[in-house]
């Protein structure tokens, strides 16, 4: 192998190891903040609420709209195939639960969080570092893990499953209310099939998958933001890198759950 290729491969490995090491460091700092009950601190708790409002509450209109559009299309085709073409009414609940709760809702809500809030976190924390705001907090004896990292990680971890559950309910119920007149199945029978197919495993997946995806996404965003040195021109570069890396990690998480 040429020496140049070896150097590039080594540089790539070192950069990736440093990046993932920083992610682990931020995650460990957030774990320490949680263990020390920093969320009960009068200075930290309002920051968590504010971050949750920006991350989850303000994203609700987009999530509801996406649930009605994407959910209605998905549920419509699944019901049309099962009820009109196949007549397999007993599979309605199982397929809808697997399609919406296991796949569509977690992935789409995570993508919304990534594009809408993940980019905002990278830009915000990057500018805080460039403007020396983070240095000021450290000089004042304020732990960045408690005041900067933990509130954002907590907000994303809470927002992910919350939006996913809302998306799932709106998709499954709203789509039938919109297109239900076209199917050879009553609303009561439809709800009975969903309830019968809803298992503890499905509930665990609809919570665990968005929690893990949201966690790795926000940790990646914070790592990229903290990599900014002193130039404003670094912000868009770190922003794009953070989006690409977070998307790659989300795909890995999806494959992990698929194997499980």
C-alpha atoms as a PDB file:
ATOM      1  CA  UNK A   1       0.000   0.000   0.000  1.00  0.00           C
ATOM      2  CA  UNK A   2       1.412   3.460  -0.906  1.00  0.00           C
ATOM      3  CA  UNK A   3       2.716   5.534   1.982  1.00  0.00           C
ATOM      4  CA  UNK A   4       0.297   8.358   1.187  1.00  0.00           C
ATOM      5  CA  UNK A   5      -2.680   6.035   1.435  1.00  0.00           C
ATOM      6  CA  UNK A   6      -1.423   4.721   4.774  1.00  0.00           C
ATOM      7  CA  UNK A   7      -1.081   8.265   6.112  1.00  0.00           C
ATOM      8  CA  UNK A   8      -4.592   9.170   4.983  1.00  0.00           C
ATOM      9  CA  UNK A   9      -6.005   6.007   6.514  1.00  0.00           C
ATOM     10  CA  UNK A  10      -4.174   6.658   9.764  1.00  0.00           C
ATOM     11  CA  UNK A  11      -5.336  10.283   9.850  1.00  0.00           C
ATOM     12  CA  UNK A  12      -8.904   9.165   9.213  1.00  0.00           C
ATOM     13  CA  UNK A  13      -8.721   6.597  12.027  1.00  0.00           C
ATOM     14  CA  UNK A  14      -7.243   9.121  14.463  1.00  0.00           C
ATOM     15  CA  UNK A  15      -9.868  11.741  13.638  1.00  0.00           C
ATOM     16  CA  UNK A  16     -12.713   9.256  14.040  1.00  0.00           C
ATOM     17  CA  UNK A  17     -11.301   7.958  17.328  1.00  0.00           C
ATOM     18  CA  UNK A  18     -10.944  11.506  18.646  1.00  0.00           C
ATOM     19  CA  UNK A  19     -14.484  12.389  17.564  1.00  0.00           C
ATOM     20  CA  UNK A  20     -16.097   9.331  19.110  1.00  0.00           C
ATOM     21  CA  UNK A  21     -13.976   9.798  22.217  1.00  0.00           C
ATOM     22  CA  UNK A  22     -15.373  13.319  22.543  1.00  0.00           C
ATOM     23  CA  UNK A  23     -18.903  11.967  22.135  1.00  0.00           C
ATOM     24  CA  UNK A  24     -18.292   9.456  24.925  1.00  0.00           C
ATOM     25  CA  UNK A  25     -16.833  12.226  27.079  1.00  0.00           C
ATOM     26  CA  UNK A  26     -19.901  14.435  26.597  1.00  0.00           C
ATOM     27  CA  UNK A  27     -22.210  11.471  27.289  1.00  0.00           C
ATOM     28  CA  UNK A  28     -20.305  10.662  30.483  1.00  0.00           C
ATOM     29  CA  UNK A  29     -20.529  14.279  31.606  1.00  0.00           C
ATOM     30  CA  UNK A  30     -24.298  14.262  31.025  1.00  0.00           C
ATOM     31  CA  UNK A  31     -24.585  11.000  32.973  1.00  0.00           C
ATOM     32  CA  UNK A  32     -22.729  12.621  35.887  1.00  0.00           C
ATOM     33  CA  UNK A  33     -25.042  15.618  35.679  1.00  0.00           C
ATOM     34  CA  UNK A  34     -28.071  13.320  35.826  1.00  0.00           C
ATOM     35  CA  UNK A  35     -26.625  11.355  38.735  1.00  0.00           C
ATOM     36  CA  UNK A  36     -26.013  14.570  40.657  1.00  0.00           C
ATOM     37  CA  UNK A  37     -29.645  15.643  40.052  1.00  0.00           C
ATOM     38  CA  UNK A  38     -28.576  18.801  38.273  1.00  0.00           C
ATOM     39  CA  UNK A  39     -32.029  18.997  36.648  1.00  0.00           C
ATOM     40  CA  UNK A  40     -33.333  20.070  40.058  1.00  0.00           C
ATOM     41  CA  UNK A  41     -30.969  23.054  40.057  1.00  0.00           C
ATOM     42  CA  UNK A  42     -32.842  26.364  39.764  1.00  0.00           C
ATOM     43  CA  UNK A  43     -30.458  27.514  37.040  1.00  0.00           C
ATOM     44  CA  UNK A  44     -30.488  24.291  35.005  1.00  0.00           C
ATOM     45  CA  UNK A  45     -34.172  23.348  35.125  1.00  0.00           C
ATOM     46  CA  UNK A  46     -35.402  26.425  33.210  1.00  0.00           C
ATOM     47  CA  UNK A  47     -32.807  25.707  30.526  1.00  0.00           C
ATOM     48  CA  UNK A  48     -34.142  22.138  30.151  1.00  0.00           C
ATOM     49  CA  UNK A  49     -37.706  23.448  29.854  1.00  0.00           C
ATOM     50  CA  UNK A  50     -36.669  26.055  27.303  1.00  0.00           C
ATOM     51  CA  UNK A  51     -34.755  23.500  25.234  1.00  0.00           C
ATOM     52  CA  UNK A  52     -37.684  21.060  25.363  1.00  0.00           C
ATOM     53  CA  UNK A  53     -40.020  23.822  24.215  1.00  0.00           C
ATOM     54  CA  UNK A  54     -37.777  24.680  21.256  1.00  0.00           C
ATOM     55  CA  UNK A  55     -37.162  21.023  20.410  1.00  0.00           C
ATOM     56  CA  UNK A  56     -40.543  19.356  20.933  1.00  0.00           C
ATOM     57  CA  UNK A  57     -43.356  21.873  21.345  1.00  0.00           C
ATOM     58  CA  UNK A  58     -42.388  24.101  18.433  1.00  0.00           C
ATOM     59  CA  UNK A  59     -41.929  21.018  16.239  1.00  0.00           C
ATOM     60  CA  UNK A  60     -45.469  19.774  16.915  1.00  0.00           C
ATOM     61  CA  UNK A  61     -47.158  21.458  13.899  1.00  0.00           C
ATOM     62  CA  UNK A  62     -44.631  19.905  11.507  1.00  0.00           C
ATOM     63  CA  UNK A  63     -44.932  16.506  13.205  1.00  0.00           C
ATOM     64  CA  UNK A  64     -48.738  16.595  13.079  1.00  0.00           C
ATOM     65  CA  UNK A  65     -48.746  17.612   9.427  1.00  0.00           C
ATOM     66  CA  UNK A  66     -46.220  14.890   8.554  1.00  0.00           C
ATOM     67  CA  UNK A  67     -48.235  12.327  10.509  1.00  0.00           C
ATOM     68  CA  UNK A  68     -51.400  13.137   8.596  1.00  0.00           C
ATOM     69  CA  UNK A  69     -49.695  13.144   5.199  1.00  0.00           C
ATOM     70  CA  UNK A  70     -47.152  10.315   5.467  1.00  0.00           C
ATOM     71  CA  UNK A  71     -49.252   8.289   7.884  1.00  0.00           C
ATOM     72  CA  UNK A  72     -52.387   8.590   5.795  1.00  0.00           C
ATOM     73  CA  UNK A  73     -50.586   7.455   2.661  1.00  0.00           C
ATOM     74  CA  UNK A  74     -48.964   4.484   4.411  1.00  0.00           C
ATOM     75  CA  UNK A  75     -52.096   3.391   6.272  1.00  0.00           C
ATOM     76  CA  UNK A  76     -54.216   3.898   3.157  1.00  0.00           C
ATOM     77  CA  UNK A  77     -52.157   1.540   1.004  1.00  0.00           C
ATOM     78  CA  UNK A  78     -51.771  -1.079   3.740  1.00  0.00           C
ATOM     79  CA  UNK A  79     -55.511  -1.122   4.430  1.00  0.00           C
ATOM     80  CA  UNK A  80     -56.358  -1.121   0.754  1.00  0.00           C
ATOM     81  CA  UNK A  81     -54.167  -4.161   0.109  1.00  0.00           C
ATOM     82  CA  UNK A  82     -55.275  -6.107   3.177  1.00  0.00           C
ATOM     83  CA  UNK A  83     -59.007  -5.375   3.053  1.00  0.00           C
ATOM     84  CA  UNK A  84     -59.817  -4.974  -0.648  1.00  0.00           C
ATOM     85  CA  UNK A  85     -57.242  -7.134  -2.428  1.00  0.00           C
ATOM     86  CA  UNK A  86     -56.297  -9.857   0.059  1.00  0.00           C
ATOM     87  CA  UNK A  87     -59.105  -9.833   2.597  1.00  0.00           C
ATOM     88  CA  UNK A  88     -56.680 -10.482   5.430  1.00  0.00           C
ATOM     89  CA  UNK A  89     -58.398  -8.438   8.112  1.00  0.00           C
ATOM     90  CA  UNK A  90     -56.526 -10.279  10.865  1.00  0.00           C
ATOM     91  CA  UNK A  91     -53.222  -8.798   9.628  1.00  0.00           C
ATOM     92  CA  UNK A  92     -54.359  -5.171   9.685  1.00  0.00           C
ATOM     93  CA  UNK A  93     -53.244  -4.437  13.230  1.00  0.00           C
ATOM     94  CA  UNK A  94     -49.943  -6.312  13.009  1.00  0.00           C
ATOM     95  CA  UNK A  95     -48.763  -4.696   9.783  1.00  0.00           C
ATOM     96  CA  UNK A  96     -49.830  -1.193  10.807  1.00  0.00           C
ATOM     97  CA  UNK A  97     -48.146  -1.468  14.200  1.00  0.00           C
ATOM     98  CA  UNK A  98     -44.928  -2.722  12.617  1.00  0.00           C
ATOM     99  CA  UNK A  99     -44.958  -0.157   9.820  1.00  0.00           C
ATOM    100  CA  UNK A 100     -45.910   2.932  11.813  1.00  0.00           C
ATOM    101  CA  UNK A 101     -44.696   2.339  15.376  1.00  0.00           C
ATOM    102  CA  UNK A 102     -41.532   0.393  14.552  1.00  0.00           C
ATOM    103  CA  UNK A 103     -40.301   2.183  11.436  1.00  0.00           C
ATOM    104  CA  UNK A 104     -42.079   5.242  10.031  1.00  0.00           C
ATOM    105  CA  UNK A 105     -42.729   7.198  13.231  1.00  0.00           C
ATOM    106  CA  UNK A 106     -39.280   6.851  14.887  1.00  0.00           C
ATOM    107  CA  UNK A 107     -37.304   7.499  11.704  1.00  0.00           C
ATOM    108  CA  UNK A 108     -39.369  10.425  10.447  1.00  0.00           C
ATOM    109  CA  UNK A 109     -39.536  12.146  13.851  1.00  0.00           C
ATOM    110  CA  UNK A 110     -35.788  11.704  14.268  1.00  0.00           C
ATOM    111  CA  UNK A 111     -35.223  13.254  10.829  1.00  0.00           C
ATOM    112  CA  UNK A 112     -37.414  16.210  11.806  1.00  0.00           C
ATOM    113  CA  UNK A 113     -35.423  16.672  15.016  1.00  0.00           C
ATOM    114  CA  UNK A 114     -32.143  16.371  13.140  1.00  0.00           C
ATOM    115  CA  UNK A 115     -32.955  18.905  10.426  1.00  0.00           C
ATOM    116  CA  UNK A 116     -34.867  21.328  12.613  1.00  0.00           C
ATOM    117  CA  UNK A 117     -33.246  21.186  16.054  1.00  0.00           C
ATOM    118  CA  UNK A 118     -29.930  19.372  15.527  1.00  0.00           C
ATOM    119  CA  UNK A 119     -28.759  22.077  13.145  1.00  0.00           C
ATOM    120  CA  UNK A 120     -29.885  24.753  15.587  1.00  0.00           C
ATOM    121  CA  UNK A 121     -27.843  23.192  18.408  1.00  0.00           C
ATOM    122  CA  UNK A 122     -24.707  23.016  16.263  1.00  0.00           C
ATOM    123  CA  UNK A 123     -25.070  26.649  15.226  1.00  0.00           C
ATOM    124  CA  UNK A 124     -25.938  27.876  18.716  1.00  0.00           C
ATOM    125  CA  UNK A 125     -23.164  26.095  20.632  1.00  0.00           C
ATOM    126  CA  UNK A 126     -20.621  26.862  17.885  1.00  0.00           C
ATOM    127  CA  UNK A 127     -21.378  30.579  18.143  1.00  0.00           C
ATOM    128  CA  UNK A 128     -21.254  30.385  21.932  1.00  0.00           C
ATOM    129  CA  UNK A 129     -17.748  28.947  21.669  1.00  0.00           C
ATOM    130  CA  UNK A 130     -16.575  31.453  19.044  1.00  0.00           C
ATOM    131  CA  UNK A 131     -17.921  34.383  21.080  1.00  0.00           C
ATOM    132  CA  UNK A 132     -16.090  33.016  24.161  1.00  0.00           C
ATOM    133  CA  UNK A 133     -19.344  32.539  26.062  1.00  0.00           C
ATOM    134  CA  UNK A 134     -18.326  29.000  27.016  1.00  0.00           C
ATOM    135  CA  UNK A 135     -14.982  30.294  28.312  1.00  0.00           C
ATOM    136  CA  UNK A 136     -16.845  32.839  30.415  1.00  0.00           C
ATOM    137  CA  UNK A 137     -19.027  30.121  31.928  1.00  0.00           C
ATOM    138  CA  UNK A 138     -15.948  28.064  32.797  1.00  0.00           C
ATOM    139  CA  UNK A 139     -14.210  31.082  34.351  1.00  0.00           C
ATOM    140  CA  UNK A 140     -17.303  31.593  36.510  1.00  0.00           C
ATOM    141  CA  UNK A 141     -16.990  27.995  37.716  1.00  0.00           C
ATOM    142  CA  UNK A 142     -20.064  26.757  35.808  1.00  0.00           C
ATOM    143  CA  UNK A 143     -19.763  23.180  34.557  1.00  0.00           C
ATOM    144  CA  UNK A 144     -20.537  23.042  30.824  1.00  0.00           C
ATOM    145  CA  UNK A 145     -21.782  19.475  31.164  1.00  0.00           C
ATOM    146  CA  UNK A 146     -24.425  20.619  33.637  1.00  0.00           C
ATOM    147  CA  UNK A 147     -25.495  23.906  32.051  1.00  0.00           C
ATOM    148  CA  UNK A 148     -24.853  23.485  28.300  1.00  0.00           C
ATOM    149  CA  UNK A 149     -24.691  19.803  27.372  1.00  0.00           C
ATOM    150  CA  UNK A 150     -27.109  18.083  29.757  1.00  0.00           C
ATOM    151  CA  UNK A 151     -30.163  20.341  29.152  1.00  0.00           C
ATOM    152  CA  UNK A 152     -29.930  19.818  25.394  1.00  0.00           C
ATOM    153  CA  UNK A 153     -29.370  16.072  25.672  1.00  0.00           C
ATOM    154  CA  UNK A 154     -32.278  15.752  28.128  1.00  0.00           C
ATOM    155  CA  UNK A 155     -34.561  17.806  25.856  1.00  0.00           C
ATOM    156  CA  UNK A 156     -33.797  15.630  22.824  1.00  0.00           C
ATOM    157  CA  UNK A 157     -34.166  12.365  24.746  1.00  0.00           C
ATOM    158  CA  UNK A 158     -37.573  13.515  26.014  1.00  0.00           C
ATOM    159  CA  UNK A 159     -38.668  14.998  22.698  1.00  0.00           C
ATOM    160  CA  UNK A 160     -37.833  11.927  20.582  1.00  0.00           C
ATOM    161  CA  UNK A 161     -40.273   9.397  22.098  1.00  0.00           C
ATOM    162  CA  UNK A 162     -42.879  12.086  22.846  1.00  0.00           C
ATOM    163  CA  UNK A 163     -43.101  13.200  19.218  1.00  0.00           C
ATOM    164  CA  UNK A 164     -42.926   9.585  18.019  1.00  0.00           C
ATOM    165  CA  UNK A 165     -45.917   8.570  20.152  1.00  0.00           C
ATOM    166  CA  UNK A 166     -47.907  11.601  18.995  1.00  0.00           C
ATOM    167  CA  UNK A 167     -46.984  10.862  15.382  1.00  0.00           C
ATOM    168  CA  UNK A 168     -48.080   7.240  15.756  1.00  0.00           C
ATOM    169  CA  UNK A 169     -51.482   8.067  17.265  1.00  0.00           C
ATOM    170  CA  UNK A 170     -52.240  10.777  14.708  1.00  0.00           C
ATOM    171  CA  UNK A 171     -51.121   8.548  11.831  1.00  0.00           C
ATOM    172  CA  UNK A 172     -53.139   5.507  12.880  1.00  0.00           C
ATOM    173  CA  UNK A 173     -56.305   7.283  13.972  1.00  0.00           C
ATOM    174  CA  UNK A 174     -56.259  10.387  11.772  1.00  0.00           C
ATOM    175  CA  UNK A 175     -55.646   8.474   8.567  1.00  0.00           C
ATOM    176  CA  UNK A 176     -58.678   6.254   9.154  1.00  0.00           C
ATOM    177  CA  UNK A 177     -60.848   9.260   9.932  1.00  0.00           C
ATOM    178  CA  UNK A 178     -59.775  10.801   6.617  1.00  0.00           C
ATOM    179  CA  UNK A 179     -59.914   7.736   4.352  1.00  0.00           C
ATOM    180  CA  UNK A 180     -61.969   5.322   6.441  1.00  0.00           C
ATOM    181  CA  UNK A 181     -65.016   5.557   4.208  1.00  0.00           C
ATOM    182  CA  UNK A 182     -63.024   3.826   1.435  1.00  0.00           C
ATOM    183  CA  UNK A 183     -62.267   0.652   3.376  1.00  0.00           C
ATOM    184  CA  UNK A 184     -64.446  -2.369   3.948  1.00  0.00           C
ATOM    185  CA  UNK A 185     -63.834  -2.228   7.706  1.00  0.00           C
ATOM    186  CA  UNK A 186     -65.522  -0.333  10.540  1.00  0.00           C
ATOM    187  CA  UNK A 187     -63.704   2.042  12.862  1.00  0.00           C
ATOM    188  CA  UNK A 188     -64.473  -0.169  15.850  1.00  0.00           C
ATOM    189  CA  UNK A 189     -63.031  -3.263  14.173  1.00  0.00           C
ATOM    190  CA  UNK A 190     -60.021  -1.212  13.077  1.00  0.00           C
ATOM    191  CA  UNK A 191     -59.310  -0.126  16.663  1.00  0.00           C
ATOM    192  CA  UNK A 192     -59.815  -3.684  17.921  1.00  0.00           C
ATOM    193  CA  UNK A 193     -57.225  -4.994  15.447  1.00  0.00           C
ATOM    194  CA  UNK A 194     -54.730  -2.313  16.501  1.00  0.00           C
ATOM    195  CA  UNK A 195     -55.280  -3.031  20.185  1.00  0.00           C
ATOM    196  CA  UNK A 196     -54.887  -6.772  19.659  1.00  0.00           C
ATOM    197  CA  UNK A 197     -51.593  -6.263  17.784  1.00  0.00           C
ATOM    198  CA  UNK A 198     -50.176  -3.788  20.308  1.00  0.00           C
ATOM    199  CA  UNK A 199     -47.679  -5.623  22.505  1.00  0.00           C
ATOM    200  CA  UNK A 200     -45.211  -4.657  25.195  1.00  0.00           C
ATOM    201  CA  UNK A 201     -42.411  -5.167  22.674  1.00  0.00           C
ATOM    202  CA  UNK A 202     -43.988  -2.616  20.329  1.00  0.00           C
ATOM    203  CA  UNK A 203     -44.267  -0.073  23.124  1.00  0.00           C
ATOM    204  CA  UNK A 204     -40.655  -0.659  24.110  1.00  0.00           C
ATOM    205  CA  UNK A 205     -39.497  -0.183  20.519  1.00  0.00           C
ATOM    206  CA  UNK A 206     -41.497   3.001  19.994  1.00  0.00           C
ATOM    207  CA  UNK A 207     -39.779   4.450  23.075  1.00  0.00           C
ATOM    208  CA  UNK A 208     -36.305   2.888  22.957  1.00  0.00           C
ATOM    209  CA  UNK A 209     -35.579   3.511  19.281  1.00  0.00           C
ATOM    210  CA  UNK A 210     -36.278   7.302  19.292  1.00  0.00           C
ATOM    211  CA  UNK A 211     -34.495   7.655  22.645  1.00  0.00           C
ATOM    212  CA  UNK A 212     -31.337   6.048  21.263  1.00  0.00           C
ATOM    213  CA  UNK A 213     -31.563   7.865  17.928  1.00  0.00           C
ATOM    214  CA  UNK A 214     -32.153  11.228  19.595  1.00  0.00           C
ATOM    215  CA  UNK A 215     -29.316  10.641  22.064  1.00  0.00           C
ATOM    216  CA  UNK A 216     -26.694   9.815  19.444  1.00  0.00           C
ATOM    217  CA  UNK A 217     -27.933  12.670  17.271  1.00  0.00           C
ATOM    218  CA  UNK A 218     -27.626  15.383  19.931  1.00  0.00           C
ATOM    219  CA  UNK A 219     -24.300  14.007  21.198  1.00  0.00           C
ATOM    220  CA  UNK A 220     -22.927  14.126  17.649  1.00  0.00           C
ATOM    221  CA  UNK A 221     -24.239  17.671  17.220  1.00  0.00           C
ATOM    222  CA  UNK A 222     -22.595  18.829  20.463  1.00  0.00           C
ATOM    223  CA  UNK A 223     -19.309  17.155  19.529  1.00  0.00           C
ATOM    224  CA  UNK A 224     -19.245  18.919  16.168  1.00  0.00           C
ATOM    225  CA  UNK A 225     -20.141  22.233  17.772  1.00  0.00           C
ATOM    226  CA  UNK A 226     -17.344  21.911  20.327  1.00  0.00           C
ATOM    227  CA  UNK A 227     -14.852  21.197  17.521  1.00  0.00           C
ATOM    228  CA  UNK A 228     -15.207  24.760  16.228  1.00  0.00           C
ATOM    229  CA  UNK A 229     -12.116  26.803  17.027  1.00  0.00           C
ATOM    230  CA  UNK A 230     -12.367  30.538  16.394  1.00  0.00           C
ATOM    231  CA  UNK A 231     -13.617  31.217  12.853  1.00  0.00           C
ATOM    232  CA  UNK A 232     -17.225  31.819  11.875  1.00  0.00           C
ATOM    233  CA  UNK A 233     -16.517  30.074   8.572  1.00  0.00           C
ATOM    234  CA  UNK A 234     -16.153  26.802  10.485  1.00  0.00           C
ATOM    235  CA  UNK A 235     -19.814  26.800  11.515  1.00  0.00           C
ATOM    236  CA  UNK A 236     -21.379  25.738   8.173  1.00  0.00           C
ATOM    237  CA  UNK A 237     -18.626  23.144   7.698  1.00  0.00           C
ATOM    238  CA  UNK A 238     -19.256  21.601  11.136  1.00  0.00           C
ATOM    239  CA  UNK A 239     -22.982  21.840  10.480  1.00  0.00           C
ATOM    240  CA  UNK A 240     -22.795  19.753   7.324  1.00  0.00           C
ATOM    241  CA  UNK A 241     -20.364  17.298   8.913  1.00  0.00           C
ATOM    242  CA  UNK A 242     -22.622  16.934  11.930  1.00  0.00           C
ATOM    243  CA  UNK A 243     -25.682  16.254   9.775  1.00  0.00           C
ATOM    244  CA  UNK A 244     -23.888  13.603   7.724  1.00  0.00           C
ATOM    245  CA  UNK A 245     -22.363  11.872  10.738  1.00  0.00           C
ATOM    246  CA  UNK A 246     -25.603  11.945  12.731  1.00  0.00           C
ATOM    247  CA  UNK A 247     -27.471  10.515   9.753  1.00  0.00           C
ATOM    248  CA  UNK A 248     -24.927   7.706   9.471  1.00  0.00           C
ATOM    249  CA  UNK A 249     -25.214   6.850  13.165  1.00  0.00           C
ATOM    250  CA  UNK A 250     -29.020   6.877  12.920  1.00  0.00           C
ATOM    251  CA  UNK A 251     -28.803   4.352  10.081  1.00  0.00           C
ATOM    252  CA  UNK A 252     -26.565   2.161  12.250  1.00  0.00           C
ATOM    253  CA  UNK A 253     -29.121   2.341  15.090  1.00  0.00           C
ATOM    254  CA  UNK A 254     -31.886   1.370  12.656  1.00  0.00           C
ATOM    255  CA  UNK A 255     -29.869  -1.622  11.477  1.00  0.00           C
ATOM    256  CA  UNK A 256     -29.214  -2.585  15.095  1.00  0.00           C
ATOM    257  CA  UNK A 257     -32.942  -2.677  15.860  1.00  0.00           C
ATOM    258  CA  UNK A 258     -33.634  -4.520  12.611  1.00  0.00           C
ATOM    259  CA  UNK A 259     -31.188  -7.243  13.662  1.00  0.00           C
ATOM    260  CA  UNK A 260     -32.809  -7.462  17.068  1.00  0.00           C
END
